[in-house]
């Protein structure tokens, strides 16, 4: 049985989020939650929130025990980028890209 949880439009670049997501890939779910609680990065809070949601989905919807769950897949992908402009010299404008990402975590009990 597989259970998914997705958090969308997190205000952080996917490149920064992937560094956090790679740390927990393949771990038991409860151990990964403990690891994310002590990681000193902003992205770890969002990944932990998504992981807790996936664990809750498994418990409530499928009756799975959290001790038996492992992280089968953890992916951070790009979302839409907000394009803004910053004033520059001589009346010109420079682009400011506010990147966002989606985090998807899949848990399995096998």
PDB file of N, CA and C in Angstrom:
ATOM      1  N   UNK A   1       0.826  -1.163   0.000  1.00  0.00           N
ATOM      2  CA  UNK A   1       0.000   0.000   0.000  1.00  0.00           C
ATOM      3  C   UNK A   1       0.887   1.248   0.000  1.00  0.00           C
ATOM      4  N   UNK A   2       0.533   2.208  -0.823  1.00  0.00           N
ATOM      5  CA  UNK A   2       1.281   3.456  -0.924  1.00  0.00           C
ATOM      6  C   UNK A   2       0.374   4.620  -0.539  1.00  0.00           C
ATOM      7  N   UNK A   3       0.950   5.573   0.153  1.00  0.00           N
ATOM      8  CA  UNK A   3       0.222   6.759   0.592  1.00  0.00           C
ATOM      9  C   UNK A   3       1.034   7.980   0.191  1.00  0.00           C
ATOM     10  N   UNK A   4       0.349   9.021  -0.318  1.00  0.00           N
ATOM     11  CA  UNK A   4       1.036  10.230  -0.768  1.00  0.00           C
ATOM     12  C   UNK A   4       0.581  11.436   0.032  1.00  0.00           C
ATOM     13  N   UNK A   5       1.455  12.413   0.084  1.00  0.00           N
ATOM     14  CA  UNK A   5       1.125  13.739   0.600  1.00  0.00           C
ATOM     15  C   UNK A   5       1.898  14.754  -0.235  1.00  0.00           C
ATOM     16  N   UNK A   6       1.223  15.837  -0.606  1.00  0.00           N
ATOM     17  CA  UNK A   6       1.835  16.854  -1.455  1.00  0.00           C
ATOM     18  C   UNK A   6       1.626  18.223  -0.812  1.00  0.00           C
ATOM     19  N   UNK A   7       2.686  19.001  -0.756  1.00  0.00           N
ATOM     20  CA  UNK A   7       2.602  20.395  -0.345  1.00  0.00           C
ATOM     21  C   UNK A   7       3.003  21.231  -1.543  1.00  0.00           C
ATOM     22  N   UNK A   8       2.128  22.156  -1.923  1.00  0.00           N
ATOM     23  CA  UNK A   8       2.365  22.930  -3.132  1.00  0.00           C
ATOM     24  C   UNK A   8       2.710  24.381  -2.829  1.00  0.00           C
ATOM     25  N   UNK A   9       3.404  24.984  -3.768  1.00  0.00           N
ATOM     26  CA  UNK A   9       3.744  26.410  -3.755  1.00  0.00           C
ATOM     27  C   UNK A   9       4.461  26.850  -2.494  1.00  0.00           C
ATOM     28  N   UNK A  10       5.502  26.132  -2.141  1.00  0.00           N
ATOM     29  CA  UNK A  10       6.341  26.511  -1.010  1.00  0.00           C
ATOM     30  C   UNK A  10       7.284  27.616  -1.489  1.00  0.00           C
ATOM     31  N   UNK A  11       7.381  28.726  -0.755  1.00  0.00           N
ATOM     32  CA  UNK A  11       8.200  29.851  -1.235  1.00  0.00           C
ATOM     33  C   UNK A  11       9.696  29.630  -1.041  1.00  0.00           C
ATOM     34  N   UNK A  12      10.229  28.672  -1.790  1.00  0.00           N
ATOM     35  CA  UNK A  12      11.649  28.344  -1.731  1.00  0.00           C
ATOM     36  C   UNK A  12      12.010  27.655  -3.040  1.00  0.00           C
ATOM     37  N   UNK A  13      13.231  27.809  -3.487  1.00  0.00           N
ATOM     38  CA  UNK A  13      13.624  27.187  -4.746  1.00  0.00           C
ATOM     39  C   UNK A  13      13.708  25.667  -4.581  1.00  0.00           C
ATOM     40  N   UNK A  14      13.430  24.959  -5.650  1.00  0.00           N
ATOM     41  CA  UNK A  14      13.458  23.496  -5.619  1.00  0.00           C
ATOM     42  C   UNK A  14      14.869  22.979  -5.383  1.00  0.00           C
ATOM     43  N   UNK A  15      15.859  23.715  -5.825  1.00  0.00           N
ATOM     44  CA  UNK A  15      17.251  23.307  -5.635  1.00  0.00           C
ATOM     45  C   UNK A  15      17.606  23.251  -4.146  1.00  0.00           C
ATOM     46  N   UNK A  16      17.181  24.240  -3.382  1.00  0.00           N
ATOM     47  CA  UNK A  16      17.437  24.252  -1.943  1.00  0.00           C
ATOM     48  C   UNK A  16      16.629  23.167  -1.233  1.00  0.00           C
ATOM     49  N   UNK A  17      15.418  22.939  -1.710  1.00  0.00           N
ATOM     50  CA  UNK A  17      14.557  21.944  -1.076  1.00  0.00           C
ATOM     51  C   UNK A  17      15.070  20.528  -1.333  1.00  0.00           C
ATOM     52  N   UNK A  18      15.656  20.281  -2.499  1.00  0.00           N
ATOM     53  CA  UNK A  18      16.166  18.945  -2.827  1.00  0.00           C
ATOM     54  C   UNK A  18      17.274  18.503  -1.874  1.00  0.00           C
ATOM     55  N   UNK A  19      18.072  19.450  -1.376  1.00  0.00           N
ATOM     56  CA  UNK A  19      19.128  19.109  -0.433  1.00  0.00           C
ATOM     57  C   UNK A  19      18.562  18.495   0.836  1.00  0.00           C
ATOM     58  N   UNK A  20      17.413  18.974   1.275  1.00  0.00           N
ATOM     59  CA  UNK A  20      16.765  18.437   2.474  1.00  0.00           C
ATOM     60  C   UNK A  20      16.087  17.110   2.160  1.00  0.00           C
ATOM     61  N   UNK A  21      15.421  17.041   1.012  1.00  0.00           N
ATOM     62  CA  UNK A  21      14.647  15.851   0.646  1.00  0.00           C
ATOM     63  C   UNK A  21      15.557  14.638   0.447  1.00  0.00           C
ATOM     64  N   UNK A  22      16.760  14.873  -0.086  1.00  0.00           N
ATOM     65  CA  UNK A  22      17.688  13.760  -0.320  1.00  0.00           C
ATOM     66  C   UNK A  22      18.136  13.094   0.976  1.00  0.00           C
ATOM     67  N   UNK A  23      18.128  13.836   2.074  1.00  0.00           N
ATOM     68  CA  UNK A  23      18.582  13.285   3.355  1.00  0.00           C
ATOM     69  C   UNK A  23      17.651  12.196   3.889  1.00  0.00           C
ATOM     70  N   UNK A  24      16.363  12.257   3.541  1.00  0.00           N
ATOM     71  CA  UNK A  24      15.406  11.329   4.149  1.00  0.00           C
ATOM     72  C   UNK A  24      14.961  10.216   3.212  1.00  0.00           C
ATOM     73  N   UNK A  25      15.400  10.243   1.966  1.00  0.00           N
ATOM     74  CA  UNK A  25      14.944   9.239   1.002  1.00  0.00           C
ATOM     75  C   UNK A  25      15.332   7.826   1.457  1.00  0.00           C
ATOM     76  N   UNK A  26      14.348   6.925   1.533  1.00  0.00           N
ATOM     77  CA  UNK A  26      14.592   5.531   1.888  1.00  0.00           C
ATOM     78  C   UNK A  26      14.600   5.238   3.374  1.00  0.00           C
ATOM     79  N   UNK A  27      14.425   6.235   4.221  1.00  0.00           N
ATOM     80  CA  UNK A  27      14.448   6.030   5.672  1.00  0.00           C
ATOM     81  C   UNK A  27      13.087   5.562   6.184  1.00  0.00           C
ATOM     82  N   UNK A  28      13.046   4.966   7.372  1.00  0.00           N
ATOM     83  CA  UNK A  28      11.765   4.754   8.042  1.00  0.00           C
ATOM     84  C   UNK A  28      11.125   6.111   8.356  1.00  0.00           C
ATOM     85  N   UNK A  29       9.804   6.182   8.304  1.00  0.00           N
ATOM     86  CA  UNK A  29       9.105   7.462   8.406  1.00  0.00           C
ATOM     87  C   UNK A  29       9.342   8.159   9.745  1.00  0.00           C
ATOM     88  N   UNK A  30       9.282   7.437  10.840  1.00  0.00           N
ATOM     89  CA  UNK A  30       9.460   8.066  12.149  1.00  0.00           C
ATOM     90  C   UNK A  30      10.902   8.533  12.361  1.00  0.00           C
ATOM     91  N   UNK A  31      11.850   7.777  11.837  1.00  0.00           N
ATOM     92  CA  UNK A  31      13.255   8.182  11.938  1.00  0.00           C
ATOM     93  C   UNK A  31      13.495   9.436  11.098  1.00  0.00           C
ATOM     94  N   UNK A  32      12.881   9.518   9.926  1.00  0.00           N
ATOM     95  CA  UNK A  32      13.026  10.693   9.063  1.00  0.00           C
ATOM     96  C   UNK A  32      12.440  11.930   9.733  1.00  0.00           C
ATOM     97  N   UNK A  33      11.315  11.776  10.432  1.00  0.00           N
ATOM     98  CA  UNK A  33      10.710  12.900  11.141  1.00  0.00           C
ATOM     99  C   UNK A  33      11.643  13.398  12.245  1.00  0.00           C
ATOM    100  N   UNK A  34      12.314  12.478  12.925  1.00  0.00           N
ATOM    101  CA  UNK A  34      13.255  12.856  13.975  1.00  0.00           C
ATOM    102  C   UNK A  34      14.466  13.582  13.386  1.00  0.00           C
ATOM    103  N   UNK A  35      14.933  13.138  12.233  1.00  0.00           N
ATOM    104  CA  UNK A  35      16.065  13.785  11.574  1.00  0.00           C
ATOM    105  C   UNK A  35      15.683  15.197  11.132  1.00  0.00           C
ATOM    106  N   UNK A  36      14.501  15.346  10.549  1.00  0.00           N
ATOM    107  CA  UNK A  36      14.077  16.661  10.062  1.00  0.00           C
ATOM    108  C   UNK A  36      13.854  17.654  11.196  1.00  0.00           C
ATOM    109  N   UNK A  37      13.536  17.160  12.379  1.00  0.00           N
ATOM    110  CA  UNK A  37      13.299  18.055  13.518  1.00  0.00           C
ATOM    111  C   UNK A  37      14.575  18.787  13.941  1.00  0.00           C
ATOM    112  N   UNK A  38      15.741  18.221  13.643  1.00  0.00           N
ATOM    113  CA  UNK A  38      16.993  18.848  14.061  1.00  0.00           C
ATOM    114  C   UNK A  38      17.799  19.446  12.907  1.00  0.00           C
ATOM    115  N   UNK A  39      17.317  19.337  11.686  1.00  0.00           N
ATOM    116  CA  UNK A  39      18.023  19.926  10.543  1.00  0.00           C
ATOM    117  C   UNK A  39      17.804  21.441  10.560  1.00  0.00           C
ATOM    118  N   UNK A  40      18.883  22.240  10.579  1.00  0.00           N
ATOM    119  CA  UNK A  40      18.740  23.694  10.707  1.00  0.00           C
ATOM    120  C   UNK A  40      18.536  24.411   9.373  1.00  0.00           C
ATOM    121  N   UNK A  41      17.559  23.991   8.608  1.00  0.00           N
ATOM    122  CA  UNK A  41      17.271  24.638   7.328  1.00  0.00           C
ATOM    123  C   UNK A  41      15.790  24.965   7.266  1.00  0.00           C
ATOM    124  N   UNK A  42      15.456  26.017   6.548  1.00  0.00           N
ATOM    125  CA  UNK A  42      14.062  26.423   6.416  1.00  0.00           C
ATOM    126  C   UNK A  42      13.251  25.344   5.709  1.00  0.00           C
ATOM    127  N   UNK A  43      13.837  24.707   4.709  1.00  0.00           N
ATOM    128  CA  UNK A  43      13.124  23.685   3.949  1.00  0.00           C
ATOM    129  C   UNK A  43      12.760  22.470   4.770  1.00  0.00           C
ATOM    130  N   UNK A  44      13.502  22.190   5.829  1.00  0.00           N
ATOM    131  CA  UNK A  44      13.228  21.020   6.661  1.00  0.00           C
ATOM    132  C   UNK A  44      11.867  21.134   7.334  1.00  0.00           C
ATOM    133  N   UNK A  45      11.438  22.346   7.678  1.00  0.00           N
ATOM    134  CA  UNK A  45      10.122  22.528   8.314  1.00  0.00           C
ATOM    135  C   UNK A  45       9.000  22.139   7.361  1.00  0.00           C
ATOM    136  N   UNK A  46       9.128  22.537   6.086  1.00  0.00           N
ATOM    137  CA  UNK A  46       8.092  22.207   5.107  1.00  0.00           C
ATOM    138  C   UNK A  46       8.071  20.712   4.790  1.00  0.00           C
ATOM    139  N   UNK A  47       9.252  20.101   4.694  1.00  0.00           N
ATOM    140  CA  UNK A  47       9.326  18.668   4.400  1.00  0.00           C
ATOM    141  C   UNK A  47       8.772  17.880   5.583  1.00  0.00           C
ATOM    142  N   UNK A  48       9.060  18.316   6.801  1.00  0.00           N
ATOM    143  CA  UNK A  48       8.537  17.633   7.985  1.00  0.00           C
ATOM    144  C   UNK A  48       7.015  17.727   8.037  1.00  0.00           C
ATOM    145  N   UNK A  49       6.485  18.873   7.680  1.00  0.00           N
ATOM    146  CA  UNK A  49       5.036  19.059   7.651  1.00  0.00           C
ATOM    147  C   UNK A  49       4.385  18.112   6.634  1.00  0.00           C
ATOM    148  N   UNK A  50       5.009  17.980   5.470  1.00  0.00           N
ATOM    149  CA  UNK A  50       4.493  17.075   4.441  1.00  0.00           C
ATOM    150  C   UNK A  50       4.593  15.625   4.895  1.00  0.00           C
ATOM    151  N   UNK A  51       5.696  15.266   5.551  1.00  0.00           N
ATOM    152  CA  UNK A  51       5.878  13.902   6.045  1.00  0.00           C
ATOM    153  C   UNK A  51       4.847  13.567   7.110  1.00  0.00           C
ATOM    154  N   UNK A  52       4.599  14.485   8.037  1.00  0.00           N
ATOM    155  CA  UNK A  52       3.577  14.245   9.073  1.00  0.00           C
ATOM    156  C   UNK A  52       2.196  14.074   8.454  1.00  0.00           C
ATOM    157  N   UNK A  53       1.921  14.825   7.394  1.00  0.00           N
ATOM    158  CA  UNK A  53       0.649  14.684   6.687  1.00  0.00           C
ATOM    159  C   UNK A  53       0.525  13.309   6.034  1.00  0.00           C
ATOM    160  N   UNK A  54       1.614  12.826   5.436  1.00  0.00           N
ATOM    161  CA  UNK A  54       1.600  11.504   4.808  1.00  0.00           C
ATOM    162  C   UNK A  54       1.397  10.408   5.850  1.00  0.00           C
ATOM    163  N   UNK A  55       2.036  10.540   7.017  1.00  0.00           N
ATOM    164  CA  UNK A  55       1.870   9.555   8.084  1.00  0.00           C
ATOM    165  C   UNK A  55       0.428   9.556   8.574  1.00  0.00           C
ATOM    166  N   UNK A  56      -0.155  10.745   8.733  1.00  0.00           N
ATOM    167  CA  UNK A  56      -1.545  10.841   9.163  1.00  0.00           C
ATOM    168  C   UNK A  56      -2.493  10.252   8.126  1.00  0.00           C
ATOM    169  N   UNK A  57      -2.197  10.463   6.842  1.00  0.00           N
ATOM    170  CA  UNK A  57      -3.016   9.867   5.784  1.00  0.00           C
ATOM    171  C   UNK A  57      -2.979   8.344   5.864  1.00  0.00           C
ATOM    172  N   UNK A  58      -1.815   7.802   6.112  1.00  0.00           N
ATOM    173  CA  UNK A  58      -1.676   6.346   6.191  1.00  0.00           C
ATOM    174  C   UNK A  58      -2.440   5.783   7.385  1.00  0.00           C
ATOM    175  N   UNK A  59      -2.364   6.476   8.518  1.00  0.00           N
ATOM    176  CA  UNK A  59      -3.048   6.002   9.722  1.00  0.00           C
ATOM    177  C   UNK A  59      -4.564   6.084   9.579  1.00  0.00           C
ATOM    178  N   UNK A  60      -5.062   7.231   9.149  1.00  0.00           N
ATOM    179  CA  UNK A  60      -6.505   7.467   9.144  1.00  0.00           C
ATOM    180  C   UNK A  60      -7.231   6.842   7.965  1.00  0.00           C
ATOM    181  N   UNK A  61      -6.609   6.853   6.799  1.00  0.00           N
ATOM    182  CA  UNK A  61      -7.299   6.349   5.609  1.00  0.00           C
ATOM    183  C   UNK A  61      -7.095   4.860   5.384  1.00  0.00           C
ATOM    184  N   UNK A  62      -5.924   4.341   5.768  1.00  0.00           N
ATOM    185  CA  UNK A  62      -5.621   2.942   5.472  1.00  0.00           C
ATOM    186  C   UNK A  62      -5.372   2.096   6.709  1.00  0.00           C
ATOM    187  N   UNK A  63      -5.368   2.693   7.885  1.00  0.00           N
ATOM    188  CA  UNK A  63      -5.160   1.939   9.115  1.00  0.00           C
ATOM    189  C   UNK A  63      -3.759   1.395   9.286  1.00  0.00           C
ATOM    190  N   UNK A  64      -2.776   2.015   8.667  1.00  0.00           N
ATOM    191  CA  UNK A  64      -1.392   1.544   8.769  1.00  0.00           C
ATOM    192  C   UNK A  64      -0.753   2.042  10.065  1.00  0.00           C
ATOM    193  N   UNK A  65       0.212   1.306  10.555  1.00  0.00           N
ATOM    194  CA  UNK A  65       0.951   1.711  11.745  1.00  0.00           C
ATOM    195  C   UNK A  65       2.151   2.540  11.320  1.00  0.00           C
ATOM    196  N   UNK A  66       2.426   3.647  11.987  1.00  0.00           N
ATOM    197  CA  UNK A  66       3.547   4.513  11.586  1.00  0.00           C
ATOM    198  C   UNK A  66       4.902   3.828  11.676  1.00  0.00           C
ATOM    199  N   UNK A  67       5.039   2.854  12.575  1.00  0.00           N
ATOM    200  CA  UNK A  67       6.321   2.163  12.734  1.00  0.00           C
ATOM    201  C   UNK A  67       6.696   1.337  11.509  1.00  0.00           C
ATOM    202  N   UNK A  68       5.688   0.919  10.738  1.00  0.00           N
ATOM    203  CA  UNK A  68       5.954   0.048   9.595  1.00  0.00           C
ATOM    204  C   UNK A  68       6.156   0.815   8.285  1.00  0.00           C
ATOM    205  N   UNK A  69       6.032   2.138   8.312  1.00  0.00           N
ATOM    206  CA  UNK A  69       6.103   2.934   7.085  1.00  0.00           C
ATOM    207  C   UNK A  69       7.535   3.355   6.767  1.00  0.00           C
ATOM    208  N   UNK A  70       7.874   3.296   5.490  1.00  0.00           N
ATOM    209  CA  UNK A  70       9.159   3.797   5.006  1.00  0.00           C
ATOM    210  C   UNK A  70       8.912   4.785   3.866  1.00  0.00           C
ATOM    211  N   UNK A  71       9.871   5.646   3.646  1.00  0.00           N
ATOM    212  CA  UNK A  71       9.739   6.637   2.580  1.00  0.00           C
ATOM    213  C   UNK A  71      10.184   5.999   1.277  1.00  0.00           C
ATOM    214  N   UNK A  72       9.231   5.787   0.401  1.00  0.00           N
ATOM    215  CA  UNK A  72       9.538   5.178  -0.892  1.00  0.00           C
ATOM    216  C   UNK A  72      10.057   6.219  -1.869  1.00  0.00           C
ATOM    217  N   UNK A  73       9.443   7.405  -1.837  1.00  0.00           N
ATOM    218  CA  UNK A  73       9.817   8.458  -2.777  1.00  0.00           C
ATOM    219  C   UNK A  73       9.659   9.813  -2.093  1.00  0.00           C
ATOM    220  N   UNK A  74      10.624  10.675  -2.259  1.00  0.00           N
ATOM    221  CA  UNK A  74      10.554  12.047  -1.763  1.00  0.00           C
ATOM    222  C   UNK A  74      11.116  12.943  -2.857  1.00  0.00           C
ATOM    223  N   UNK A  75      10.268  13.807  -3.405  1.00  0.00           N
ATOM    224  CA  UNK A  75      10.640  14.600  -4.576  1.00  0.00           C
ATOM    225  C   UNK A  75      10.303  16.064  -4.333  1.00  0.00           C
ATOM    226  N   UNK A  76      11.194  16.945  -4.741  1.00  0.00           N
ATOM    227  CA  UNK A  76      10.938  18.384  -4.751  1.00  0.00           C
ATOM    228  C   UNK A  76      11.033  18.859  -6.193  1.00  0.00           C
ATOM    229  N   UNK A  77       9.941  19.400  -6.704  1.00  0.00           N
ATOM    230  CA  UNK A  77       9.909  19.868  -8.079  1.00  0.00           C
ATOM    231  C   UNK A  77       9.585  21.345  -8.150  1.00  0.00           C
ATOM    232  N   UNK A  78       9.859  21.937  -9.290  1.00  0.00           N
ATOM    233  CA  UNK A  78       9.615  23.368  -9.446  1.00  0.00           C
ATOM    234  C   UNK A  78       8.134  23.656  -9.619  1.00  0.00           C
ATOM    235  N   UNK A  79       7.730  24.812  -9.159  1.00  0.00           N
ATOM    236  CA  UNK A  79       6.368  25.304  -9.342  1.00  0.00           C
ATOM    237  C   UNK A  79       6.464  26.581 -10.179  1.00  0.00           C
ATOM    238  N   UNK A  80       5.379  27.322 -10.244  1.00  0.00           N
ATOM    239  CA  UNK A  80       5.410  28.560 -11.020  1.00  0.00           C
ATOM    240  C   UNK A  80       6.335  29.576 -10.352  1.00  0.00           C
ATOM    241  N   UNK A  81       7.009  30.353 -11.153  1.00  0.00           N
ATOM    242  CA  UNK A  81       7.929  31.371 -10.670  1.00  0.00           C
ATOM    243  C   UNK A  81       7.271  32.734 -10.800  1.00  0.00           C
ATOM    244  N   UNK A  82       7.281  33.496  -9.708  1.00  0.00           N
ATOM    245  CA  UNK A  82       6.758  34.857  -9.760  1.00  0.00           C
ATOM    246  C   UNK A  82       7.838  35.758 -10.329  1.00  0.00           C
ATOM    247  N   UNK A  83       7.490  36.538 -11.335  1.00  0.00           N
ATOM    248  CA  UNK A  83       8.460  37.417 -11.983  1.00  0.00           C
ATOM    249  C   UNK A  83       8.192  38.854 -11.549  1.00  0.00           C
ATOM    250  N   UNK A  84       9.171  39.438 -10.884  1.00  0.00           N
ATOM    251  CA  UNK A  84       9.080  40.814 -10.421  1.00  0.00           C
ATOM    252  C   UNK A  84      10.256  41.586 -10.997  1.00  0.00           C
ATOM    253  N   UNK A  85      10.219  42.907 -10.864  1.00  0.00           N
ATOM    254  CA  UNK A  85      11.295  43.734 -11.390  1.00  0.00           C
ATOM    255  C   UNK A  85      11.816  44.671 -10.319  1.00  0.00           C
ATOM    256  N   UNK A  86      13.112  44.875 -10.331  1.00  0.00           N
ATOM    257  CA  UNK A  86      13.778  45.755  -9.387  1.00  0.00           C
ATOM    258  C   UNK A  86      14.387  46.915 -10.162  1.00  0.00           C
ATOM    259  N   UNK A  87      14.246  48.137  -9.666  1.00  0.00           N
ATOM    260  CA  UNK A  87      14.818  49.274 -10.390  1.00  0.00           C
ATOM    261  C   UNK A  87      16.343  49.233 -10.421  1.00  0.00           C
ATOM    262  N   UNK A  88      16.884  49.593 -11.559  1.00  0.00           N
ATOM    263  CA  UNK A  88      18.339  49.615 -11.757  1.00  0.00           C
ATOM    264  C   UNK A  88      18.771  51.003 -12.227  1.00  0.00           C
ATOM    265  N   UNK A  89      20.021  51.110 -12.548  1.00  0.00           N
ATOM    266  CA  UNK A  89      20.576  52.401 -12.948  1.00  0.00           C
ATOM    267  C   UNK A  89      19.990  52.900 -14.272  1.00  0.00           C
ATOM    268  N   UNK A  90      19.915  54.225 -14.402  1.00  0.00           N
ATOM    269  CA  UNK A  90      19.452  54.911 -15.618  1.00  0.00           C
ATOM    270  C   UNK A  90      18.047  54.521 -16.029  1.00  0.00           C
ATOM    271  N   UNK A  91      17.184  54.245 -15.077  1.00  0.00           N
ATOM    272  CA  UNK A  91      15.780  53.987 -15.386  1.00  0.00           C
ATOM    273  C   UNK A  91      15.466  52.612 -15.924  1.00  0.00           C
ATOM    274  N   UNK A  92      16.437  51.713 -15.922  1.00  0.00           N
ATOM    275  CA  UNK A  92      16.152  50.368 -16.416  1.00  0.00           C
ATOM    276  C   UNK A  92      15.648  49.493 -15.261  1.00  0.00           C
ATOM    277  N   UNK A  93      15.309  48.275 -15.583  1.00  0.00           N
ATOM    278  CA  UNK A  93      14.785  47.360 -14.567  1.00  0.00           C
ATOM    279  C   UNK A  93      15.475  46.011 -14.701  1.00  0.00           C
ATOM    280  N   UNK A  94      15.718  45.388 -13.566  1.00  0.00           N
ATOM    281  CA  UNK A  94      16.333  44.063 -13.556  1.00  0.00           C
ATOM    282  C   UNK A  94      15.344  43.043 -13.027  1.00  0.00           C
ATOM    283  N   UNK A  95      15.375  41.828 -13.558  1.00  0.00           N
ATOM    284  CA  UNK A  95      14.400  40.820 -13.138  1.00  0.00           C
ATOM    285  C   UNK A  95      14.707  40.265 -11.751  1.00  0.00           C
ATOM    286  N   UNK A  96      13.652  39.955 -11.014  1.00  0.00           N
ATOM    287  CA  UNK A  96      13.739  39.254  -9.741  1.00  0.00           C
ATOM    288  C   UNK A  96      12.823  38.041  -9.865  1.00  0.00           C
ATOM    289  N   UNK A  97      13.406  36.847  -9.768  1.00  0.00           N
ATOM    290  CA  UNK A  97      12.623  35.620  -9.890  1.00  0.00           C
ATOM    291  C   UNK A  97      12.374  35.043  -8.512  1.00  0.00           C
ATOM    292  N   UNK A  98      11.117  35.003  -8.106  1.00  0.00           N
ATOM    293  CA  UNK A  98      10.747  34.435  -6.809  1.00  0.00           C
ATOM    294  C   UNK A  98      10.290  33.009  -7.057  1.00  0.00           C
ATOM    295  N   UNK A  99      11.179  32.087  -6.808  1.00  0.00           N
ATOM    296  CA  UNK A  99      10.927  30.699  -7.155  1.00  0.00           C
ATOM    297  C   UNK A  99      10.101  30.001  -6.082  1.00  0.00           C
ATOM    298  N   UNK A 100       9.344  28.996  -6.520  1.00  0.00           N
ATOM    299  CA  UNK A 100       8.505  28.200  -5.625  1.00  0.00           C
ATOM    300  C   UNK A 100       8.689  26.737  -5.982  1.00  0.00           C
ATOM    301  N   UNK A 101       8.263  25.851  -5.083  1.00  0.00           N
ATOM    302  CA  UNK A 101       8.417  24.427  -5.356  1.00  0.00           C
ATOM    303  C   UNK A 101       7.268  23.628  -4.751  1.00  0.00           C
ATOM    304  N   UNK A 102       7.142  22.402  -5.216  1.00  0.00           N
ATOM    305  CA  UNK A 102       6.194  21.427  -4.683  1.00  0.00           C
ATOM    306  C   UNK A 102       7.001  20.298  -4.047  1.00  0.00           C
ATOM    307  N   UNK A 103       6.501  19.749  -2.939  1.00  0.00           N
ATOM    308  CA  UNK A 103       7.138  18.598  -2.297  1.00  0.00           C
ATOM    309  C   UNK A 103       6.133  17.451  -2.280  1.00  0.00           C
ATOM    310  N   UNK A 104       6.563  16.282  -2.767  1.00  0.00           N
ATOM    311  CA  UNK A 104       5.710  15.092  -2.780  1.00  0.00           C
ATOM    312  C   UNK A 104       6.439  13.972  -2.052  1.00  0.00           C
ATOM    313  N   UNK A 105       5.769  13.385  -1.068  1.00  0.00           N
ATOM    314  CA  UNK A 105       6.339  12.278  -0.309  1.00  0.00           C
ATOM    315  C   UNK A 105       5.403  11.086  -0.431  1.00  0.00           C
ATOM    316  N   UNK A 106       5.963   9.942  -0.803  1.00  0.00           N
ATOM    317  CA  UNK A 106       5.215   8.691  -0.914  1.00  0.00           C
ATOM    318  C   UNK A 106       5.730   7.719   0.131  1.00  0.00           C
ATOM    319  N   UNK A 107       4.827   7.207   0.934  1.00  0.00           N
ATOM    320  CA  UNK A 107       5.179   6.219   1.960  1.00  0.00           C
ATOM    321  C   UNK A 107       4.690   4.844   1.545  1.00  0.00           C
ATOM    322  N   UNK A 108       5.425   3.834   1.948  1.00  0.00           N
ATOM    323  CA  UNK A 108       5.056   2.452   1.660  1.00  0.00           C
ATOM    324  C   UNK A 108       5.235   1.624   2.917  1.00  0.00           C
ATOM    325  N   UNK A 109       4.436   0.581   3.063  1.00  0.00           N
ATOM    326  CA  UNK A 109       4.551  -0.270   4.248  1.00  0.00           C
ATOM    327  C   UNK A 109       5.288  -1.559   3.953  1.00  0.00           C
ATOM    328  N   UNK A 110       5.982  -1.638   2.849  1.00  0.00           N
ATOM    329  CA  UNK A 110       6.692  -2.857   2.475  1.00  0.00           C
ATOM    330  C   UNK A 110       8.179  -2.705   2.701  1.00  0.00           C
TER     331      UNK A 110
END
